[in-house]
Amino acid sequence: MSVRHAIILAAGLGTRLRSVADDRPKGLIEIDGETLVGRSVRLLRSAGINHITIVTGYAADYYERFAAGQPDIHLARNDKFANTGSMASLAIALDRVQHDVLVLESDIVYESRALTTMLSAAASDSTLVSGPTKAGDEVWVYAPEGRLHAMTKIAHELPAITGELVGITRLSASAATTMLHAFKGFVDAHGHGRMDYETDALVAVARLYPIAAIVVKDLCWGEIDDEQQYARVVQHIWPAVGNQLPPVAI
């Protein structure tokens, strides 16, 4: 089934980027006049995505202004963003999803082929994996024979390393439902919603049925979680991909 809906997770505080973002959400950091989320929206539209949900939390009013006059952008708010994890934000959006969906983090910059690769993949349930970036704070993926088994920031915990998590995942409606059940079970067991959607929830779903690791070893991309990563993106990633032509619609 073709994917026409994307979810951008943008609720986080971004405490390590205050000197760059000021009081804005980190997804609305501008580079060369374009915000990170604005660039993702542009590329998603060009890839044929016509329904975009942005899950907000911290400084949500900035996204309200961003989305104004853009009827294909819908906002969902996680009012408990300060005390919950990314899965709590995703659950708010997934609760409304009836079809396959693409899930993106708000703070990533990537080549347009990251989207076309995911949208054209045979596997409805998959996550994008790159080669090593040496960017720091990496999430390492273990996916023997192309199937996700584990993710962690501590490399020696894994039997082997397949690559780095990029932060773009494709979910079928059935996988989304399973993920919601996993989150409910987590909250019931722990009494809080501090569950990560990738390292916790996606791995939990992968124990039940296959989640493909789509590996693009030479993918040019970067995440902006702190000042060092911001400098890397500005100096090395954005010049390579920032003004890249949009992808062709799938």
C-alpha atoms as a PDB file:
ATOM      1  CA  MET A   1       0.000   0.000   0.000  1.00  0.00           C
ATOM      2  CA  SER A   2       1.312   3.454  -0.896  1.00  0.00           C
ATOM      3  CA  VAL A   3       2.038   5.775   2.019  1.00  0.00           C
ATOM      4  CA  ARG A   4       0.294   9.141   2.038  1.00  0.00           C
ATOM      5  CA  HIS A   5       0.538  10.068   5.728  1.00  0.00           C
ATOM      6  CA  ALA A   6       3.592  11.151   7.705  1.00  0.00           C
ATOM      7  CA  ILE A   7       4.057  11.900  11.397  1.00  0.00           C
ATOM      8  CA  ILE A   8       6.790  14.255  12.596  1.00  0.00           C
ATOM      9  CA  LEU A   9       7.679  13.964  16.279  1.00  0.00           C
ATOM     10  CA  ALA A  10       8.392  17.484  17.533  1.00  0.00           C
ATOM     11  CA  ALA A  11       7.377  17.617  21.201  1.00  0.00           C
ATOM     12  CA  GLY A  12      10.809  17.487  22.849  1.00  0.00           C
ATOM     13  CA  LEU A  13      12.433  20.169  24.975  1.00  0.00           C
ATOM     14  CA  GLY A  14      15.778  20.249  23.172  1.00  0.00           C
ATOM     15  CA  THR A  15      17.584  21.379  26.322  1.00  0.00           C
ATOM     16  CA  ARG A  16      21.062  20.881  24.798  1.00  0.00           C
ATOM     17  CA  LEU A  17      20.349  23.392  22.014  1.00  0.00           C
ATOM     18  CA  ARG A  18      19.257  26.478  23.916  1.00  0.00           C
ATOM     19  CA  SER A  19      22.172  28.560  22.610  1.00  0.00           C
ATOM     20  CA  VAL A  20      21.061  27.790  19.049  1.00  0.00           C
ATOM     21  CA  ALA A  21      17.279  27.510  19.275  1.00  0.00           C
ATOM     22  CA  ASP A  22      16.620  30.105  21.999  1.00  0.00           C
ATOM     23  CA  ASP A  23      13.021  29.394  23.023  1.00  0.00           C
ATOM     24  CA  ARG A  24      11.990  27.692  19.769  1.00  0.00           C
ATOM     25  CA  PRO A  25      11.494  23.951  19.323  1.00  0.00           C
ATOM     26  CA  LYS A  26      14.620  22.468  17.761  1.00  0.00           C
ATOM     27  CA  GLY A  27      12.686  21.370  14.670  1.00  0.00           C
ATOM     28  CA  LEU A  28      12.216  25.049  13.847  1.00  0.00           C
ATOM     29  CA  ILE A  29      15.915  25.890  13.873  1.00  0.00           C
ATOM     30  CA  GLU A  30      16.680  27.688  10.609  1.00  0.00           C
ATOM     31  CA  ILE A  31      19.621  27.035   8.315  1.00  0.00           C
ATOM     32  CA  ASP A  32      19.915  29.236   5.230  1.00  0.00           C
ATOM     33  CA  GLY A  33      16.368  30.482   5.781  1.00  0.00           C
ATOM     34  CA  GLU A  34      14.681  27.061   5.985  1.00  0.00           C
ATOM     35  CA  THR A  35      13.666  25.240   9.164  1.00  0.00           C
ATOM     36  CA  LEU A  36      14.423  21.570   9.712  1.00  0.00           C
ATOM     37  CA  VAL A  37      10.730  20.654   9.821  1.00  0.00           C
ATOM     38  CA  GLY A  38       9.968  22.974   6.915  1.00  0.00           C
ATOM     39  CA  ARG A  39      12.505  21.109   4.809  1.00  0.00           C
ATOM     40  CA  SER A  40      11.024  17.740   5.789  1.00  0.00           C
ATOM     41  CA  VAL A  41       7.533  18.981   4.916  1.00  0.00           C
ATOM     42  CA  ARG A  42       8.762  20.171   1.515  1.00  0.00           C
ATOM     43  CA  LEU A  43      10.393  16.837   0.733  1.00  0.00           C
ATOM     44  CA  LEU A  44       7.430  14.829   2.027  1.00  0.00           C
ATOM     45  CA  ARG A  45       5.030  16.741  -0.211  1.00  0.00           C
ATOM     46  CA  SER A  46       7.269  16.181  -3.210  1.00  0.00           C
ATOM     47  CA  ALA A  47       7.294  12.455  -2.410  1.00  0.00           C
ATOM     48  CA  GLY A  48       3.491  12.307  -2.568  1.00  0.00           C
ATOM     49  CA  ILE A  49       2.673  12.630   1.129  1.00  0.00           C
ATOM     50  CA  ASN A  50      -0.520  14.677   1.418  1.00  0.00           C
ATOM     51  CA  HIS A  51      -1.302  14.370   5.135  1.00  0.00           C
ATOM     52  CA  ILE A  52       1.296  15.444   7.693  1.00  0.00           C
ATOM     53  CA  THR A  53       0.756  15.280  11.446  1.00  0.00           C
ATOM     54  CA  ILE A  54       3.194  17.167  13.666  1.00  0.00           C
ATOM     55  CA  VAL A  55       3.123  16.131  17.314  1.00  0.00           C
ATOM     56  CA  THR A  56       3.973  19.183  19.393  1.00  0.00           C
ATOM     57  CA  GLY A  57       4.650  19.804  23.062  1.00  0.00           C
ATOM     58  CA  TYR A  58       7.334  22.274  24.074  1.00  0.00           C
ATOM     59  CA  ALA A  59       6.651  25.777  22.667  1.00  0.00           C
ATOM     60  CA  ALA A  60       3.697  24.419  20.686  1.00  0.00           C
ATOM     61  CA  ASP A  61       2.598  27.916  19.684  1.00  0.00           C
ATOM     62  CA  TYR A  62       5.542  28.107  17.265  1.00  0.00           C
ATOM     63  CA  TYR A  63       4.166  25.139  15.356  1.00  0.00           C
ATOM     64  CA  GLU A  64       0.688  26.643  15.376  1.00  0.00           C
ATOM     65  CA  ARG A  65       2.107  29.626  13.514  1.00  0.00           C
ATOM     66  CA  PHE A  66       4.127  27.347  11.234  1.00  0.00           C
ATOM     67  CA  ALA A  67       1.065  25.273  10.279  1.00  0.00           C
ATOM     68  CA  ALA A  68      -1.271  28.232   9.744  1.00  0.00           C
ATOM     69  CA  GLY A  69      -2.610  28.297   6.194  1.00  0.00           C
ATOM     70  CA  GLN A  70      -1.257  24.819   5.368  1.00  0.00           C
ATOM     71  CA  PRO A  71      -4.305  22.523   5.234  1.00  0.00           C
ATOM     72  CA  ASP A  72      -2.256  19.341   4.771  1.00  0.00           C
ATOM     73  CA  ILE A  73      -0.534  19.881   8.137  1.00  0.00           C
ATOM     74  CA  HIS A  74      -2.369  18.768  11.263  1.00  0.00           C
ATOM     75  CA  LEU A  75      -1.170  19.310  14.818  1.00  0.00           C
ATOM     76  CA  ALA A  76      -1.523  16.912  17.743  1.00  0.00           C
ATOM     77  CA  ARG A  77      -0.272  18.015  21.158  1.00  0.00           C
ATOM     78  CA  ASN A  78       1.413  16.019  23.908  1.00  0.00           C
ATOM     79  CA  ASP A  79       0.662  18.120  26.977  1.00  0.00           C
ATOM     80  CA  LYS A  80       2.781  15.758  29.100  1.00  0.00           C
ATOM     81  CA  PHE A  81       5.879  16.112  26.912  1.00  0.00           C
ATOM     82  CA  ALA A  82       8.137  17.057  29.837  1.00  0.00           C
ATOM     83  CA  ASN A  83       7.444  13.791  31.684  1.00  0.00           C
ATOM     84  CA  THR A  84       6.965  11.279  28.874  1.00  0.00           C
ATOM     85  CA  GLY A  85       9.031   9.769  26.081  1.00  0.00           C
ATOM     86  CA  SER A  86       8.725   9.868  22.321  1.00  0.00           C
ATOM     87  CA  MET A  87       6.346   6.890  22.293  1.00  0.00           C
ATOM     88  CA  ALA A  88       3.775   8.892  24.246  1.00  0.00           C
ATOM     89  CA  SER A  89       3.884  11.535  21.522  1.00  0.00           C
ATOM     90  CA  LEU A  90       3.677   8.965  18.743  1.00  0.00           C
ATOM     91  CA  ALA A  91       0.747   7.218  20.457  1.00  0.00           C
ATOM     92  CA  ILE A  92      -1.298  10.421  20.263  1.00  0.00           C
ATOM     93  CA  ALA A  93      -0.881  10.508  16.484  1.00  0.00           C
ATOM     94  CA  LEU A  94      -1.100   6.749  15.857  1.00  0.00           C
ATOM     95  CA  ASP A  95      -4.437   6.619  17.627  1.00  0.00           C
ATOM     96  CA  ARG A  96      -5.870   8.424  14.597  1.00  0.00           C
ATOM     97  CA  VAL A  97      -4.051   6.406  11.912  1.00  0.00           C
ATOM     98  CA  GLN A  98      -5.928   3.930   9.718  1.00  0.00           C
ATOM     99  CA  HIS A  99      -3.283   3.302   7.038  1.00  0.00           C
ATOM    100  CA  ASP A 100       0.468   2.908   6.573  1.00  0.00           C
ATOM    101  CA  VAL A 101       2.460   5.851   7.877  1.00  0.00           C
ATOM    102  CA  LEU A 102       5.969   7.296   7.765  1.00  0.00           C
ATOM    103  CA  VAL A 103       7.381   8.505  11.110  1.00  0.00           C
ATOM    104  CA  LEU A 104      10.182  11.074  11.251  1.00  0.00           C
ATOM    105  CA  GLU A 105      12.085  12.837  13.983  1.00  0.00           C
ATOM    106  CA  SER A 106      11.917  16.629  13.765  1.00  0.00           C
ATOM    107  CA  ASP A 107      15.640  17.295  14.171  1.00  0.00           C
ATOM    108  CA  ILE A 108      17.150  15.464  11.194  1.00  0.00           C
ATOM    109  CA  VAL A 109      18.554  16.654   7.867  1.00  0.00           C
ATOM    110  CA  TYR A 110      18.885  14.024   5.136  1.00  0.00           C
ATOM    111  CA  GLU A 111      19.162  13.343   1.439  1.00  0.00           C
ATOM    112  CA  SER A 112      15.860  13.217  -0.418  1.00  0.00           C
ATOM    113  CA  ARG A 113      16.564   9.591  -1.343  1.00  0.00           C
ATOM    114  CA  ALA A 114      16.041   8.696   2.309  1.00  0.00           C
ATOM    115  CA  LEU A 115      12.315   9.175   1.676  1.00  0.00           C
ATOM    116  CA  THR A 116      12.147   7.566  -1.755  1.00  0.00           C
ATOM    117  CA  THR A 117      14.080   4.560  -0.470  1.00  0.00           C
ATOM    118  CA  MET A 118      11.658   4.043   2.397  1.00  0.00           C
ATOM    119  CA  LEU A 119       8.530   4.671   0.344  1.00  0.00           C
ATOM    120  CA  SER A 120       9.579   2.266  -2.411  1.00  0.00           C
ATOM    121  CA  ALA A 121      10.754  -0.505  -0.069  1.00  0.00           C
ATOM    122  CA  ALA A 122       8.956  -3.833  -0.343  1.00  0.00           C
ATOM    123  CA  ALA A 123       8.609  -4.068   3.442  1.00  0.00           C
ATOM    124  CA  SER A 124       5.668  -2.154   4.903  1.00  0.00           C
ATOM    125  CA  ASP A 125       7.353  -2.186   8.317  1.00  0.00           C
ATOM    126  CA  SER A 126      10.896  -0.877   8.184  1.00  0.00           C
ATOM    127  CA  THR A 127      13.394   1.577   9.620  1.00  0.00           C
ATOM    128  CA  LEU A 128      16.175   3.430   7.827  1.00  0.00           C
ATOM    129  CA  VAL A 129      19.778   2.623   8.755  1.00  0.00           C
ATOM    130  CA  SER A 130      22.955   4.358   7.580  1.00  0.00           C
ATOM    131  CA  GLY A 131      26.646   3.610   7.720  1.00  0.00           C
ATOM    132  CA  PRO A 132      28.764   5.161  10.492  1.00  0.00           C
ATOM    133  CA  THR A 133      28.638   8.962  10.707  1.00  0.00           C
ATOM    134  CA  LYS A 134      30.962   9.540  13.686  1.00  0.00           C
ATOM    135  CA  ALA A 135      28.565  12.312  14.718  1.00  0.00           C
ATOM    136  CA  GLY A 136      28.377  11.306  18.379  1.00  0.00           C
ATOM    137  CA  ASP A 137      25.364  10.109  20.374  1.00  0.00           C
ATOM    138  CA  GLU A 138      24.691   7.425  17.773  1.00  0.00           C
ATOM    139  CA  VAL A 139      21.963   4.812  18.108  1.00  0.00           C
ATOM    140  CA  TRP A 140      23.426   1.538  16.861  1.00  0.00           C
ATOM    141  CA  VAL A 141      21.264  -1.042  15.101  1.00  0.00           C
ATOM    142  CA  TYR A 142      21.658  -4.815  15.102  1.00  0.00           C
ATOM    143  CA  ALA A 143      19.717  -6.340  12.210  1.00  0.00           C
ATOM    144  CA  PRO A 144      21.008  -9.774  11.144  1.00  0.00           C
ATOM    145  CA  GLU A 145      19.788 -10.772   7.671  1.00  0.00           C
ATOM    146  CA  GLY A 146      18.100  -7.384   7.358  1.00  0.00           C
ATOM    147  CA  ARG A 147      15.663  -7.870  10.234  1.00  0.00           C
ATOM    148  CA  LEU A 148      15.689  -5.544  13.246  1.00  0.00           C
ATOM    149  CA  HIS A 149      16.634  -7.263  16.503  1.00  0.00           C
ATOM    150  CA  ALA A 150      18.002  -4.547  18.777  1.00  0.00           C
ATOM    151  CA  MET A 151      19.044  -0.895  19.104  1.00  0.00           C
ATOM    152  CA  THR A 152      21.204   0.817  21.691  1.00  0.00           C
ATOM    153  CA  LYS A 153      23.564   3.748  22.233  1.00  0.00           C
ATOM    154  CA  ILE A 154      26.076   1.346  23.817  1.00  0.00           C
ATOM    155  CA  ALA A 155      27.755  -0.428  20.915  1.00  0.00           C
ATOM    156  CA  HIS A 156      29.340  -3.266  22.897  1.00  0.00           C
ATOM    157  CA  GLU A 157      25.886  -4.433  24.029  1.00  0.00           C
ATOM    158  CA  LEU A 158      25.226  -5.722  20.502  1.00  0.00           C
ATOM    159  CA  PRO A 159      26.587  -8.948  18.954  1.00  0.00           C
ATOM    160  CA  ALA A 160      27.382  -6.943  15.806  1.00  0.00           C
ATOM    161  CA  ILE A 161      26.576  -3.532  14.359  1.00  0.00           C
ATOM    162  CA  THR A 162      24.517  -3.232  11.191  1.00  0.00           C
ATOM    163  CA  GLY A 163      24.577   0.564  11.112  1.00  0.00           C
ATOM    164  CA  GLU A 164      23.147   3.736  12.649  1.00  0.00           C
ATOM    165  CA  LEU A 165      19.503   4.573  13.201  1.00  0.00           C
ATOM    166  CA  VAL A 166      18.501   7.570  11.064  1.00  0.00           C
ATOM    167  CA  GLY A 167      15.106   8.417  12.523  1.00  0.00           C
ATOM    168  CA  ILE A 168      12.777   7.587   9.617  1.00  0.00           C
ATOM    169  CA  THR A 169      10.488   4.585  10.097  1.00  0.00           C
ATOM    170  CA  ARG A 170       7.617   3.139   8.073  1.00  0.00           C
ATOM    171  CA  LEU A 171       4.764   1.406   9.876  1.00  0.00           C
ATOM    172  CA  SER A 172       1.789  -0.564   8.634  1.00  0.00           C
ATOM    173  CA  ALA A 173      -1.539  -0.047  10.383  1.00  0.00           C
ATOM    174  CA  SER A 174      -1.149  -3.436  12.090  1.00  0.00           C
ATOM    175  CA  ALA A 175       2.352  -2.591  13.356  1.00  0.00           C
ATOM    176  CA  ALA A 176       1.053   0.737  14.631  1.00  0.00           C
ATOM    177  CA  THR A 177      -1.678  -1.066  16.565  1.00  0.00           C
ATOM    178  CA  THR A 178       0.862  -3.493  18.040  1.00  0.00           C
ATOM    179  CA  MET A 179       3.050  -0.559  19.048  1.00  0.00           C
ATOM    180  CA  LEU A 180       0.124   1.100  20.826  1.00  0.00           C
ATOM    181  CA  HIS A 181      -0.519  -2.125  22.743  1.00  0.00           C
ATOM    182  CA  ALA A 182       3.171  -2.293  23.703  1.00  0.00           C
ATOM    183  CA  PHE A 183       3.005   1.266  25.003  1.00  0.00           C
ATOM    184  CA  LYS A 184      -0.104   0.556  27.053  1.00  0.00           C
ATOM    185  CA  GLY A 185       1.612  -2.486  28.555  1.00  0.00           C
ATOM    186  CA  PHE A 186       4.672  -0.382  29.382  1.00  0.00           C
ATOM    187  CA  VAL A 187       2.590   2.277  31.142  1.00  0.00           C
ATOM    188  CA  ASP A 188       0.642  -0.371  33.062  1.00  0.00           C
ATOM    189  CA  ALA A 189       3.875  -2.066  34.171  1.00  0.00           C
ATOM    190  CA  HIS A 190       5.937   1.016  35.018  1.00  0.00           C
ATOM    191  CA  GLY A 191       3.360   3.637  35.949  1.00  0.00           C
ATOM    192  CA  HIS A 192       4.800   6.267  33.586  1.00  0.00           C
ATOM    193  CA  GLY A 193       5.054   6.992  29.864  1.00  0.00           C
ATOM    194  CA  ARG A 194       8.817   7.475  29.474  1.00  0.00           C
ATOM    195  CA  MET A 195       9.134   4.988  26.628  1.00  0.00           C
ATOM    196  CA  ASP A 196      11.237   5.621  23.536  1.00  0.00           C
ATOM    197  CA  TYR A 197       9.410   4.776  20.332  1.00  0.00           C
ATOM    198  CA  GLU A 198      12.489   3.414  18.572  1.00  0.00           C
ATOM    199  CA  THR A 199      14.813   1.704  21.065  1.00  0.00           C
ATOM    200  CA  ASP A 200      11.892   0.448  23.186  1.00  0.00           C
ATOM    201  CA  ALA A 201       8.612   0.224  21.263  1.00  0.00           C
ATOM    202  CA  LEU A 202       9.876  -0.558  17.764  1.00  0.00           C
ATOM    203  CA  VAL A 203      12.181  -3.255  19.117  1.00  0.00           C
ATOM    204  CA  ALA A 204       9.246  -4.723  21.065  1.00  0.00           C
ATOM    205  CA  VAL A 205       7.182  -4.897  17.867  1.00  0.00           C
ATOM    206  CA  ALA A 206      10.139  -6.497  16.058  1.00  0.00           C
ATOM    207  CA  ARG A 207       9.982  -9.420  18.474  1.00  0.00           C
ATOM    208  CA  LEU A 208       6.505 -10.247  17.176  1.00  0.00           C
ATOM    209  CA  TYR A 209       6.975  -9.891  13.420  1.00  0.00           C
ATOM    210  CA  PRO A 210       9.607  -8.644  10.970  1.00  0.00           C
ATOM    211  CA  ILE A 211      10.745  -5.023  10.930  1.00  0.00           C
ATOM    212  CA  ALA A 212      13.145  -4.592   8.019  1.00  0.00           C
ATOM    213  CA  ALA A 213      16.333  -2.583   8.377  1.00  0.00           C
ATOM    214  CA  ILE A 214      16.704  -0.614   5.142  1.00  0.00           C
ATOM    215  CA  VAL A 215      20.444   0.014   4.967  1.00  0.00           C
ATOM    216  CA  VAL A 216      21.873   2.887   2.909  1.00  0.00           C
ATOM    217  CA  LYS A 217      25.544   2.791   3.844  1.00  0.00           C
ATOM    218  CA  ASP A 218      26.518   6.068   2.163  1.00  0.00           C
ATOM    219  CA  LEU A 219      23.480   8.133   3.186  1.00  0.00           C
ATOM    220  CA  CYS A 220      24.363  11.753   3.924  1.00  0.00           C
ATOM    221  CA  TRP A 221      22.400  12.884   6.959  1.00  0.00           C
ATOM    222  CA  GLY A 222      22.657  14.425  10.397  1.00  0.00           C
ATOM    223  CA  GLU A 223      20.743  14.849  13.619  1.00  0.00           C
ATOM    224  CA  ILE A 224      20.800  18.054  15.662  1.00  0.00           C
ATOM    225  CA  ASP A 225      20.646  17.262  19.360  1.00  0.00           C
ATOM    226  CA  ASP A 226      23.445  19.492  20.636  1.00  0.00           C
ATOM    227  CA  GLU A 227      25.815  22.292  19.566  1.00  0.00           C
ATOM    228  CA  GLN A 228      28.436  19.893  18.186  1.00  0.00           C
ATOM    229  CA  GLN A 229      25.897  18.142  15.976  1.00  0.00           C
ATOM    230  CA  TYR A 230      24.491  21.512  14.872  1.00  0.00           C
ATOM    231  CA  ALA A 231      27.960  22.612  13.767  1.00  0.00           C
ATOM    232  CA  ARG A 232      28.444  19.337  11.867  1.00  0.00           C
ATOM    233  CA  VAL A 233      25.161  19.756  10.003  1.00  0.00           C
ATOM    234  CA  VAL A 234      25.801  23.417   9.149  1.00  0.00           C
ATOM    235  CA  GLN A 235      29.369  22.809   7.994  1.00  0.00           C
ATOM    236  CA  HIS A 236      29.116  19.430   6.278  1.00  0.00           C
ATOM    237  CA  ILE A 237      25.568  18.090   5.799  1.00  0.00           C
ATOM    238  CA  TRP A 238      23.515  21.120   4.790  1.00  0.00           C
ATOM    239  CA  PRO A 239      25.930  22.233   2.034  1.00  0.00           C
ATOM    240  CA  ALA A 240      25.577  18.752   0.519  1.00  0.00           C
ATOM    241  CA  VAL A 241      21.808  18.228   0.817  1.00  0.00           C
ATOM    242  CA  GLY A 242      20.111  21.418   2.031  1.00  0.00           C
ATOM    243  CA  ASN A 243      19.154  22.771  -1.380  1.00  0.00           C
ATOM    244  CA  GLN A 244      18.781  19.362  -2.964  1.00  0.00           C
ATOM    245  CA  LEU A 245      16.029  18.981  -5.533  1.00  0.00           C
ATOM    246  CA  PRO A 246      12.858  17.425  -4.076  1.00  0.00           C
ATOM    247  CA  PRO A 247      12.303  13.686  -4.635  1.00  0.00           C
ATOM    248  CA  VAL A 248      10.021  12.398  -7.358  1.00  0.00           C
ATOM    249  CA  ALA A 249       6.594  11.325  -6.050  1.00  0.00           C
ATOM    250  CA  ILE A 250       6.166   7.565  -5.607  1.00  0.00           C
END
